[in-house]
Amino acid sequence: MKRHLSFFLILAVAATFFSLEAGADNFAKVRYDKQADRLVVTMIYRGTTPNHNFSLKWGPCQTSDSGDLPGATAEVLDDQYEDAAEQDFTKTVRFRLTDMPCPRPASITLRTAPRFFYTLTIPQ
């Protein structure tokens, strides 16, 4: 009996973990479009409608004494982050880099809640 209880407890924890994971925004693909000077980001998200809008919230530019590229983190915000996670959607969004806080070349990290990251280099 105790063995079955442990098994069901493990299943319940796994189901909770995967349901939380599925409700979060994530990146399917990220690339830099040099000609348009934009990030092209394909977002994966869950909701009731496909019309979520995404924006960037930039953090400060961080420089290092070791000679690494300057870098900044941009949080990808979903305007409907409280939408019920009923269906899977993907949407490709384009972000201008005019507000990027670092001089180029720079390393930028995109972040979504709760813990997805994608880092790329923006050339000169």
Protein backbone atom coordinates (compact mmCIF):
# COMPACT_ATOMS: atom_id res chain seq x y z
CA MET A 1 0.00 0.00 0.00
CA LYS A 2 2.80 2.43 0.92
CA ARG A 3 4.52 1.65 -2.38
CA HIS A 4 1.38 2.56 -4.37
CA LEU A 5 0.96 5.77 -2.39
CA SER A 6 4.54 6.80 -3.26
CA PHE A 7 3.93 6.04 -6.94
CA PHE A 8 0.77 8.16 -7.04
CA LEU A 9 2.50 10.98 -5.19
CA ILE A 10 5.29 10.98 -7.80
CA LEU A 11 2.69 11.04 -10.60
CA ALA A 12 0.86 13.96 -8.98
CA VAL A 13 4.07 15.98 -8.60
CA ALA A 14 5.04 15.26 -12.23
CA ALA A 15 1.59 16.26 -13.50
CA THR A 16 1.76 19.52 -11.55
CA PHE A 17 5.25 20.26 -12.87
CA PHE A 18 4.28 19.64 -16.49
CA SER A 19 1.07 21.66 -16.23
CA LEU A 20 3.03 24.62 -14.83
CA GLU A 21 5.66 24.21 -17.53
CA ALA A 22 3.07 24.17 -20.32
CA GLY A 23 1.48 27.40 -19.12
CA ALA A 24 4.66 29.45 -19.44
CA ASP A 25 5.77 31.48 -22.44
CA ASN A 26 8.83 30.05 -24.16
CA PHE A 27 10.96 30.57 -27.26
CA ALA A 28 10.61 28.31 -30.30
CA LYS A 29 13.11 30.27 -32.40
CA VAL A 30 15.13 33.49 -32.01
CA ARG A 31 17.23 35.20 -34.66
CA TYR A 32 18.63 38.60 -35.49
CA ASP A 33 17.50 40.15 -38.81
CA LYS A 34 20.45 42.33 -39.77
CA GLN A 35 18.72 44.08 -42.68
CA ALA A 36 15.73 45.15 -40.59
CA ASP A 37 17.78 45.53 -37.37
CA ARG A 38 15.21 43.52 -35.44
CA LEU A 39 14.93 40.43 -33.35
CA VAL A 40 12.58 37.87 -34.86
CA VAL A 41 11.21 35.72 -32.06
CA THR A 42 8.74 32.86 -32.35
CA MET A 43 6.94 32.57 -29.04
CA ILE A 44 5.18 29.46 -27.75
CA TYR A 45 2.42 30.19 -25.27
CA ARG A 46 -0.90 28.93 -23.93
CA GLY A 47 -4.13 30.86 -23.66
CA THR A 48 -7.73 31.17 -24.75
CA THR A 49 -7.01 33.34 -27.79
CA PRO A 50 -4.10 33.69 -30.24
CA ASN A 51 -3.98 37.49 -30.02
CA HIS A 52 -1.40 37.94 -27.26
CA ASN A 53 1.02 40.83 -27.76
CA PHE A 54 4.61 40.73 -26.59
CA SER A 55 6.98 43.55 -25.68
CA LEU A 56 10.51 43.93 -24.31
CA LYS A 57 11.46 45.45 -20.98
CA TRP A 58 15.19 46.18 -21.04
CA GLY A 59 17.45 46.00 -18.04
CA PRO A 60 20.59 48.15 -17.77
CA CYS A 61 23.70 47.54 -19.83
CA GLN A 62 26.33 45.56 -17.94
CA THR A 63 29.98 45.97 -18.82
CA SER A 64 32.85 43.81 -17.69
CA ASP A 65 36.50 44.50 -16.98
CA SER A 66 37.49 41.17 -18.54
CA GLY A 67 36.94 42.35 -22.11
CA ASP A 68 33.69 40.46 -22.69
CA LEU A 69 30.98 42.11 -24.76
CA PRO A 70 28.65 44.46 -22.91
CA GLY A 71 25.34 42.77 -22.24
CA ALA A 72 21.77 43.37 -21.24
CA THR A 73 18.74 41.32 -20.35
CA ALA A 74 15.35 41.98 -21.91
CA GLU A 75 12.28 40.53 -20.27
CA VAL A 76 9.70 39.41 -22.84
CA LEU A 77 6.33 40.52 -21.48
CA ASP A 78 3.02 38.94 -22.49
CA ASP A 79 0.11 41.41 -22.33
CA GLN A 80 -2.24 38.55 -21.42
CA TYR A 81 -0.06 36.73 -18.90
CA GLU A 82 -3.11 35.87 -16.76
CA ASP A 83 -5.02 34.27 -19.67
CA ALA A 84 -6.23 30.74 -18.86
CA ALA A 85 -3.85 28.15 -20.38
CA GLU A 86 -6.39 26.29 -22.53
CA GLN A 87 -4.72 25.98 -25.96
CA ASP A 88 -1.22 26.05 -27.43
CA PHE A 89 -0.32 28.94 -29.72
CA THR A 90 2.77 30.19 -31.54
CA LYS A 91 3.33 33.73 -32.73
CA THR A 92 6.28 35.32 -34.48
CA VAL A 93 7.02 38.82 -33.22
CA ARG A 94 9.59 41.36 -34.33
CA PHE A 95 11.30 43.64 -31.85
CA ARG A 96 13.16 46.79 -32.88
CA LEU A 97 16.49 47.26 -31.13
CA THR A 98 16.37 51.06 -30.91
CA ASP A 99 15.96 50.88 -27.11
CA MET A 100 18.78 48.39 -26.56
CA PRO A 101 20.81 49.92 -23.72
CA CYS A 102 24.25 48.68 -24.84
CA PRO A 103 26.57 49.79 -27.62
CA ARG A 104 27.16 47.22 -30.33
CA PRO A 105 28.40 44.58 -30.56
CA ALA A 106 26.56 43.33 -27.49
CA SER A 107 25.31 40.16 -25.92
CA ILE A 108 21.63 40.17 -25.07
CA THR A 109 19.63 37.67 -23.08
CA LEU A 110 15.89 37.32 -23.58
CA ARG A 111 13.99 36.07 -20.54
CA THR A 112 10.42 34.93 -20.00
CA ALA A 113 8.73 33.98 -16.78
CA PRO A 114 9.34 31.77 -15.02
CA ARG A 115 12.79 30.62 -16.18
CA PHE A 116 13.36 30.49 -19.91
CA PHE A 117 16.42 32.25 -21.35
CA TYR A 118 17.91 32.74 -24.80
CA THR A 119 21.21 34.58 -25.36
CA LEU A 120 22.52 35.91 -28.66
CA THR A 121 25.05 38.43 -29.94
CA ILE A 122 23.96 41.57 -31.76
CA PRO A 123 26.75 42.53 -34.19
CA GLN A 124 28.12 46.00 -34.93
